[in-house]
Full PDB file with SEQRES, HELIX, SHEET, SSBOND, CRYST1, ORIGX, SCALE, CONECT and MASTER records, all heavy atoms in Angstrom:
SEQRES   1 A   31  LEU GLY VAL THR SER ALA VAL GLY PHE VAL TRP PHE ALA          
SEQRES   2 A   31  PHE ALA GLY ALA ALA LEU ALA ALA ALA VAL VAL PHE SER          
SEQRES   3 A   31  PHE GLY HIS ALA GLN                                          
HELIX    1 AA1 ALA A    6  PHE A   27  1                                  22    
CRYST1    1.000    1.000    1.000  90.00  90.00  90.00 P 1           1          
ORIGX1      1.000000  0.000000  0.000000        0.00000                         
ORIGX2      0.000000  1.000000  0.000000        0.00000                         
ORIGX3      0.000000  0.000000  1.000000        0.00000                         
SCALE1      1.000000  0.000000  0.000000        0.00000                         
SCALE2      0.000000  1.000000  0.000000        0.00000                         
SCALE3      0.000000  0.000000  1.000000        0.00000                         
ATOM      1  N   LEU A   1     -11.097   6.934   9.180  1.00  0.00           N  
ATOM      2  CA  LEU A   1     -10.250   7.293  10.312  1.00  0.00           C  
ATOM      3  C   LEU A   1     -10.100   8.800  10.490  1.00  0.00           C  
ATOM      4  O   LEU A   1      -9.471   9.248  11.441  1.00  0.00           O  
ATOM      5  CB  LEU A   1      -8.862   6.650  10.161  1.00  0.00           C  
ATOM      6  CG  LEU A   1      -8.847   5.118  10.110  1.00  0.00           C  
ATOM      7  CD1 LEU A   1      -7.419   4.607   9.917  1.00  0.00           C  
ATOM      8  CD2 LEU A   1      -9.459   4.527  11.375  1.00  0.00           C  
ATOM      9  N   GLY A   2     -10.639   9.565   9.548  1.00  0.00           N  
ATOM     10  CA  GLY A   2     -10.604  11.016   9.686  1.00  0.00           C  
ATOM     11  C   GLY A   2      -9.255  11.645   9.429  1.00  0.00           C  
ATOM     12  O   GLY A   2      -9.008  12.786   9.854  1.00  0.00           O  
ATOM     13  N   VAL A   3      -8.355  10.962   8.751  1.00  0.00           N  
ATOM     14  CA  VAL A   3      -7.038  11.520   8.435  1.00  0.00           C  
ATOM     15  C   VAL A   3      -7.210  12.582   7.347  1.00  0.00           C  
ATOM     16  O   VAL A   3      -7.844  12.341   6.324  1.00  0.00           O  
ATOM     17  CB  VAL A   3      -6.077  10.427   7.943  1.00  0.00           C  
ATOM     18  CG1 VAL A   3      -4.722  11.022   7.585  1.00  0.00           C  
ATOM     19  CG2 VAL A   3      -5.920   9.352   9.010  1.00  0.00           C  
ATOM     20  N   THR A   4      -6.630  13.758   7.560  1.00  0.00           N  
ATOM     21  CA  THR A   4      -6.809  14.846   6.594  1.00  0.00           C  
ATOM     22  C   THR A   4      -5.511  15.509   6.157  1.00  0.00           C  
ATOM     23  O   THR A   4      -5.515  16.266   5.190  1.00  0.00           O  
ATOM     24  CB  THR A   4      -7.728  15.946   7.174  1.00  0.00           C  
ATOM     25  OG1 THR A   4      -7.163  16.434   8.402  1.00  0.00           O  
ATOM     26  CG2 THR A   4      -9.120  15.410   7.438  1.00  0.00           C  
ATOM     27  N   SER A   5      -4.417  15.256   6.847  1.00  0.00           N  
ATOM     28  CA  SER A   5      -3.165  15.944   6.521  1.00  0.00           C  
ATOM     29  C   SER A   5      -2.297  15.091   5.615  1.00  0.00           C  
ATOM     30  O   SER A   5      -2.384  13.861   5.602  1.00  0.00           O  
ATOM     31  CB  SER A   5      -2.388  16.276   7.797  1.00  0.00           C  
ATOM     32  OG  SER A   5      -1.937  15.086   8.412  1.00  0.00           O  
ATOM     33  N   ALA A   6      -1.420  15.768   4.855  1.00  0.00           N  
ATOM     34  CA  ALA A   6      -0.490  15.056   3.986  1.00  0.00           C  
ATOM     35  C   ALA A   6       0.436  14.162   4.801  1.00  0.00           C  
ATOM     36  O   ALA A   6       0.809  13.069   4.372  1.00  0.00           O  
ATOM     37  CB  ALA A   6       0.328  16.062   3.164  1.00  0.00           C  
ATOM     38  N   VAL A   7       0.807  14.626   5.994  1.00  0.00           N  
ATOM     39  CA  VAL A   7       1.666  13.818   6.866  1.00  0.00           C  
ATOM     40  C   VAL A   7       0.936  12.550   7.292  1.00  0.00           C  
ATOM     41  O   VAL A   7       1.513  11.454   7.340  1.00  0.00           O  
ATOM     42  CB  VAL A   7       2.090  14.638   8.101  1.00  0.00           C  
ATOM     43  CG1 VAL A   7       2.873  13.765   9.070  1.00  0.00           C  
ATOM     44  CG2 VAL A   7       2.917  15.838   7.673  1.00  0.00           C  
ATOM     45  N   GLY A   8      -0.341  12.679   7.572  1.00  0.00           N  
ATOM     46  CA  GLY A   8      -1.116  11.520   7.980  1.00  0.00           C  
ATOM     47  C   GLY A   8      -1.314  10.498   6.882  1.00  0.00           C  
ATOM     48  O   GLY A   8      -1.467   9.295   7.134  1.00  0.00           O  
ATOM     49  N   PHE A   9      -1.322  10.970   5.613  1.00  0.00           N  
ATOM     50  CA  PHE A   9      -1.516  10.057   4.499  1.00  0.00           C  
ATOM     51  C   PHE A   9      -0.332   9.119   4.298  1.00  0.00           C  
ATOM     52  O   PHE A   9      -0.481   8.047   3.708  1.00  0.00           O  
ATOM     53  CB  PHE A   9      -1.706  10.837   3.189  1.00  0.00           C  
ATOM     54  CG  PHE A   9      -2.934  11.699   3.160  1.00  0.00           C  
ATOM     55  CD1 PHE A   9      -3.000  12.796   2.311  1.00  0.00           C  
ATOM     56  CD2 PHE A   9      -4.018  11.425   3.976  1.00  0.00           C  
ATOM     57  CE1 PHE A   9      -4.127  13.589   2.271  1.00  0.00           C  
ATOM     58  CE2 PHE A   9      -5.145  12.216   3.948  1.00  0.00           C  
ATOM     59  CZ  PHE A   9      -5.206  13.304   3.103  1.00  0.00           C  
ATOM     60  N   VAL A  10       0.850   9.517   4.746  1.00  0.00           N  
ATOM     61  CA  VAL A  10       2.093   8.858   4.348  1.00  0.00           C  
ATOM     62  C   VAL A  10       2.080   7.359   4.623  1.00  0.00           C  
ATOM     63  O   VAL A  10       2.315   6.542   3.732  1.00  0.00           O  
ATOM     64  CB  VAL A  10       3.299   9.524   5.054  1.00  0.00           C  
ATOM     65  CG1 VAL A  10       4.538   8.661   4.915  1.00  0.00           C  
ATOM     66  CG2 VAL A  10       3.550  10.898   4.463  1.00  0.00           C  
ATOM     67  N   TRP A  11       1.810   7.000   5.869  1.00  0.00           N  
ATOM     68  CA  TRP A  11       1.950   5.591   6.232  1.00  0.00           C  
ATOM     69  C   TRP A  11       0.854   4.743   5.617  1.00  0.00           C  
ATOM     70  O   TRP A  11       1.073   3.568   5.297  1.00  0.00           O  
ATOM     71  CB  TRP A  11       1.980   5.449   7.746  1.00  0.00           C  
ATOM     72  CG  TRP A  11       3.137   6.196   8.330  1.00  0.00           C  
ATOM     73  CD1 TRP A  11       3.092   7.311   9.115  1.00  0.00           C  
ATOM     74  CD2 TRP A  11       4.530   5.912   8.122  1.00  0.00           C  
ATOM     75  NE1 TRP A  11       4.357   7.729   9.421  1.00  0.00           N  
ATOM     76  CE2 TRP A  11       5.258   6.893   8.822  1.00  0.00           C  
ATOM     77  CE3 TRP A  11       5.214   4.927   7.420  1.00  0.00           C  
ATOM     78  CZ2 TRP A  11       6.651   6.920   8.837  1.00  0.00           C  
ATOM     79  CZ3 TRP A  11       6.601   4.946   7.427  1.00  0.00           C  
ATOM     80  CH2 TRP A  11       7.298   5.924   8.133  1.00  0.00           C  
ATOM     81  N   PHE A  12      -0.323   5.317   5.434  1.00  0.00           N  
ATOM     82  CA  PHE A  12      -1.388   4.568   4.761  1.00  0.00           C  
ATOM     83  C   PHE A  12      -1.047   4.361   3.287  1.00  0.00           C  
ATOM     84  O   PHE A  12      -1.294   3.279   2.727  1.00  0.00           O  
ATOM     85  CB  PHE A  12      -2.721   5.317   4.902  1.00  0.00           C  
ATOM     86  CG  PHE A  12      -3.231   5.362   6.316  1.00  0.00           C  
ATOM     87  CD1 PHE A  12      -3.023   6.476   7.106  1.00  0.00           C  
ATOM     88  CD2 PHE A  12      -3.897   4.271   6.862  1.00  0.00           C  
ATOM     89  CE1 PHE A  12      -3.470   6.520   8.415  1.00  0.00           C  
ATOM     90  CE2 PHE A  12      -4.354   4.303   8.172  1.00  0.00           C  
ATOM     91  CZ  PHE A  12      -4.138   5.426   8.945  1.00  0.00           C  
ATOM     92  N   ALA A  13      -0.486   5.388   2.651  1.00  0.00           N  
ATOM     93  CA  ALA A  13      -0.077   5.247   1.259  1.00  0.00           C  
ATOM     94  C   ALA A  13       1.017   4.199   1.118  1.00  0.00           C  
ATOM     95  O   ALA A  13       0.993   3.365   0.203  1.00  0.00           O  
ATOM     96  CB  ALA A  13       0.399   6.597   0.715  1.00  0.00           C  
ATOM     97  N   PHE A  14       1.972   4.225   2.036  1.00  0.00           N  
ATOM     98  CA  PHE A  14       3.064   3.252   1.991  1.00  0.00           C  
ATOM     99  C   PHE A  14       2.516   1.836   2.182  1.00  0.00           C  
ATOM    100  O   PHE A  14       2.890   0.901   1.451  1.00  0.00           O  
ATOM    101  CB  PHE A  14       4.084   3.564   3.085  1.00  0.00           C  
ATOM    102  CG  PHE A  14       5.367   2.794   2.966  1.00  0.00           C  
ATOM    103  CD1 PHE A  14       6.469   3.345   2.347  1.00  0.00           C  
ATOM    104  CD2 PHE A  14       5.476   1.511   3.465  1.00  0.00           C  
ATOM    105  CE1 PHE A  14       7.658   2.639   2.227  1.00  0.00           C  
ATOM    106  CE2 PHE A  14       6.649   0.789   3.356  1.00  0.00           C  
ATOM    107  CZ  PHE A  14       7.752   1.359   2.730  1.00  0.00           C  
ATOM    108  N   ALA A  15       1.635   1.668   3.153  1.00  0.00           N  
ATOM    109  CA  ALA A  15       1.078   0.338   3.418  1.00  0.00           C  
ATOM    110  C   ALA A  15       0.244  -0.150   2.233  1.00  0.00           C  
ATOM    111  O   ALA A  15       0.324  -1.328   1.852  1.00  0.00           O  
ATOM    112  CB  ALA A  15       0.225   0.379   4.691  1.00  0.00           C  
ATOM    113  N   GLY A  16      -0.558   0.741   1.639  1.00  0.00           N  
ATOM    114  CA  GLY A  16      -1.375   0.348   0.496  1.00  0.00           C  
ATOM    115  C   GLY A  16      -0.534  -0.043  -0.704  1.00  0.00           C  
ATOM    116  O   GLY A  16      -0.822  -1.039  -1.385  1.00  0.00           O  
ATOM    117  N   ALA A  17       0.524   0.730  -0.965  1.00  0.00           N  
ATOM    118  CA  ALA A  17       1.416   0.411  -2.083  1.00  0.00           C  
ATOM    119  C   ALA A  17       2.120  -0.919  -1.849  1.00  0.00           C  
ATOM    120  O   ALA A  17       2.237  -1.755  -2.761  1.00  0.00           O  
ATOM    121  CB  ALA A  17       2.437   1.532  -2.261  1.00  0.00           C  
ATOM    122  N   ALA A  18       2.596  -1.135  -0.627  1.00  0.00           N  
ATOM    123  CA  ALA A  18       3.302  -2.378  -0.310  1.00  0.00           C  
ATOM    124  C   ALA A  18       2.369  -3.576  -0.417  1.00  0.00           C  
ATOM    125  O   ALA A  18       2.741  -4.627  -0.968  1.00  0.00           O  
ATOM    126  CB  ALA A  18       3.896  -2.283   1.097  1.00  0.00           C  
ATOM    127  N   LEU A  19       1.150  -3.443   0.088  1.00  0.00           N  
ATOM    128  CA  LEU A  19       0.204  -4.553   0.039  1.00  0.00           C  
ATOM    129  C   LEU A  19      -0.175  -4.895  -1.397  1.00  0.00           C  
ATOM    130  O   LEU A  19      -0.257  -6.078  -1.764  1.00  0.00           O  
ATOM    131  CB  LEU A  19      -1.049  -4.199   0.847  1.00  0.00           C  
ATOM    132  CG  LEU A  19      -2.122  -5.287   0.932  1.00  0.00           C  
ATOM    133  CD1 LEU A  19      -1.553  -6.540   1.589  1.00  0.00           C  
ATOM    134  CD2 LEU A  19      -3.334  -4.780   1.707  1.00  0.00           C  
ATOM    135  N   ALA A  20      -0.376  -3.866  -2.221  1.00  0.00           N  
ATOM    136  CA  ALA A  20      -0.721  -4.112  -3.630  1.00  0.00           C  
ATOM    137  C   ALA A  20       0.397  -4.855  -4.342  1.00  0.00           C  
ATOM    138  O   ALA A  20       0.150  -5.834  -5.065  1.00  0.00           O  
ATOM    139  CB  ALA A  20      -1.006  -2.786  -4.326  1.00  0.00           C  
ATOM    140  N   ALA A  21       1.638  -4.399  -4.153  1.00  0.00           N  
ATOM    141  CA  ALA A  21       2.768  -5.080  -4.800  1.00  0.00           C  
ATOM    142  C   ALA A  21       2.912  -6.503  -4.290  1.00  0.00           C  
ATOM    143  O   ALA A  21       3.208  -7.428  -5.068  1.00  0.00           O  
ATOM    144  CB  ALA A  21       4.051  -4.289  -4.556  1.00  0.00           C  
ATOM    145  N   ALA A  22       2.705  -6.713  -2.986  1.00  0.00           N  
ATOM    146  CA  ALA A  22       2.818  -8.057  -2.428  1.00  0.00           C  
ATOM    147  C   ALA A  22       1.758  -8.987  -3.010  1.00  0.00           C  
ATOM    148  O   ALA A  22       2.038 -10.152  -3.339  1.00  0.00           O  
ATOM    149  CB  ALA A  22       2.684  -7.993  -0.906  1.00  0.00           C  
ATOM    150  N   VAL A  23       0.537  -8.495  -3.170  1.00  0.00           N  
ATOM    151  CA  VAL A  23      -0.533  -9.304  -3.760  1.00  0.00           C  
ATOM    152  C   VAL A  23      -0.200  -9.673  -5.200  1.00  0.00           C  
ATOM    153  O   VAL A  23      -0.354 -10.827  -5.618  1.00  0.00           O  
ATOM    154  CB  VAL A  23      -1.875  -8.545  -3.691  1.00  0.00           C  
ATOM    155  CG1 VAL A  23      -2.925  -9.226  -4.557  1.00  0.00           C  
ATOM    156  CG2 VAL A  23      -2.359  -8.452  -2.254  1.00  0.00           C  
ATOM    157  N   VAL A  24       0.282  -8.706  -5.964  1.00  0.00           N  
ATOM    158  CA  VAL A  24       0.598  -8.968  -7.371  1.00  0.00           C  
ATOM    159  C   VAL A  24       1.695 -10.017  -7.493  1.00  0.00           C  
ATOM    160  O   VAL A  24       1.602 -10.953  -8.300  1.00  0.00           O  
ATOM    161  CB  VAL A  24       1.016  -7.664  -8.077  1.00  0.00           C  
ATOM    162  CG1 VAL A  24       1.579  -7.952  -9.467  1.00  0.00           C  
ATOM    163  CG2 VAL A  24      -0.182  -6.733  -8.199  1.00  0.00           C  
ATOM    164  N   PHE A  25       2.744  -9.900  -6.700  1.00  0.00           N  
ATOM    165  CA  PHE A  25       3.841 -10.857  -6.794  1.00  0.00           C  
ATOM    166  C   PHE A  25       3.448 -12.226  -6.230  1.00  0.00           C  
ATOM    167  O   PHE A  25       3.973 -13.253  -6.666  1.00  0.00           O  
ATOM    168  CB  PHE A  25       5.081 -10.319  -6.084  1.00  0.00           C  
ATOM    169  CG  PHE A  25       5.951  -9.475  -6.973  1.00  0.00           C  
ATOM    170  CD1 PHE A  25       5.652  -8.138  -7.179  1.00  0.00           C  
ATOM    171  CD2 PHE A  25       7.050 -10.014  -7.626  1.00  0.00           C  
ATOM    172  CE1 PHE A  25       6.431  -7.354  -8.008  1.00  0.00           C  
ATOM    173  CE2 PHE A  25       7.831  -9.244  -8.456  1.00  0.00           C  
ATOM    174  CZ  PHE A  25       7.529  -7.917  -8.655  1.00  0.00           C  
ATOM    175  N   SER A  26       2.534 -12.253  -5.282  1.00  0.00           N  
ATOM    176  CA  SER A  26       2.090 -13.538  -4.736  1.00  0.00           C  
ATOM    177  C   SER A  26       1.258 -14.312  -5.747  1.00  0.00           C  
ATOM    178  O   SER A  26       1.482 -15.509  -5.974  1.00  0.00           O  
ATOM    179  CB  SER A  26       1.273 -13.315  -3.458  1.00  0.00           C  
ATOM    180  OG  SER A  26       2.062 -12.729  -2.455  1.00  0.00           O  
ATOM    181  N   PHE A  27       0.302 -13.629  -6.372  1.00  0.00           N  
ATOM    182  CA  PHE A  27      -0.576 -14.305  -7.316  1.00  0.00           C  
ATOM    183  C   PHE A  27       0.008 -14.368  -8.724  1.00  0.00           C  
ATOM    184  O   PHE A  27      -0.435 -15.164  -9.543  1.00  0.00           O  
ATOM    185  CB  PHE A  27      -1.943 -13.606  -7.359  1.00  0.00           C  
ATOM    186  CG  PHE A  27      -2.759 -13.828  -6.124  1.00  0.00           C  
ATOM    187  CD1 PHE A  27      -2.725 -12.919  -5.079  1.00  0.00           C  
ATOM    188  CD2 PHE A  27      -3.555 -14.956  -5.987  1.00  0.00           C  
ATOM    189  CE1 PHE A  27      -3.471 -13.116  -3.928  1.00  0.00           C  
ATOM    190  CE2 PHE A  27      -4.307 -15.170  -4.839  1.00  0.00           C  
ATOM    191  CZ  PHE A  27      -4.259 -14.253  -3.809  1.00  0.00           C  
ATOM    192  N   GLY A  28       0.996 -13.511  -9.000  1.00  0.00           N  
ATOM    193  CA  GLY A  28       1.614 -13.530 -10.320  1.00  0.00           C  
ATOM    194  C   GLY A  28       2.680 -14.580 -10.465  1.00  0.00           C  
ATOM    195  O   GLY A  28       3.200 -14.797 -11.570  1.00  0.00           O  
ATOM    196  N   HIS A  29       3.021 -15.269  -9.361  1.00  0.00           N  
ATOM    197  CA  HIS A  29       4.008 -16.353  -9.389  1.00  0.00           C  
ATOM    198  C   HIS A  29       5.325 -15.919 -10.032  1.00  0.00           C  
ATOM    199  O   HIS A  29       6.025 -16.725 -10.647  1.00  0.00           O  
ATOM    200  CB  HIS A  29       3.448 -17.578 -10.118  1.00  0.00           C  
ATOM    201  CG  HIS A  29       2.193 -18.104  -9.508  1.00  0.00           C  
ATOM    202  ND1 HIS A  29       2.154 -18.701  -8.259  1.00  0.00           N  
ATOM    203  CD2 HIS A  29       0.901 -18.094  -9.962  1.00  0.00           C  
ATOM    204  CE1 HIS A  29       0.908 -19.052  -7.986  1.00  0.00           C  
ATOM    205  NE2 HIS A  29       0.135 -18.695  -8.982  1.00  0.00           N  
ATOM    206  N   ALA A  30       5.647 -14.615  -9.912  1.00  0.00           N  
ATOM    207  CA  ALA A  30       6.923 -14.076 -10.381  1.00  0.00           C  
ATOM    208  C   ALA A  30       7.162 -14.316 -11.868  1.00  0.00           C  
ATOM    209  O   ALA A  30       8.305 -14.407 -12.322  1.00  0.00           O  
ATOM    210  CB  ALA A  30       8.070 -14.657  -9.562  1.00  0.00           C  
ATOM    211  N   GLN A  31       6.087 -14.408 -12.655  1.00  0.00           N  
ATOM    212  CA  GLN A  31       6.226 -14.574 -14.102  1.00  0.00           C  
ATOM    213  C   GLN A  31       5.818 -13.272 -14.791  1.00  0.00           C  
ATOM    214  O   GLN A  31       4.791 -12.682 -14.434  1.00  0.00           O  
ATOM    215  CB  GLN A  31       5.346 -15.729 -14.598  1.00  0.00           C  
ATOM    216  CG  GLN A  31       5.717 -17.083 -14.011  1.00  0.00           C  
ATOM    217  CD  GLN A  31       7.133 -17.495 -14.341  1.00  0.00           C  
ATOM    218  OE1 GLN A  31       7.596 -17.328 -15.470  1.00  0.00           O  
ATOM    219  NE2 GLN A  31       7.843 -18.022 -13.350  1.00  0.00           N  
TER     220      GLN A  31                                                      
MASTER        0    0    0    1    0    0    0    6  219    1    0    3          
END                                                                             
């Protein structure tokens, strides 16, 4: 997407972190 600024990274970083945590809790069955 050609994002190069720290400001531009923010929402992608937030979305990536949220998606990773959601995947872990979904497949980890909260154990």
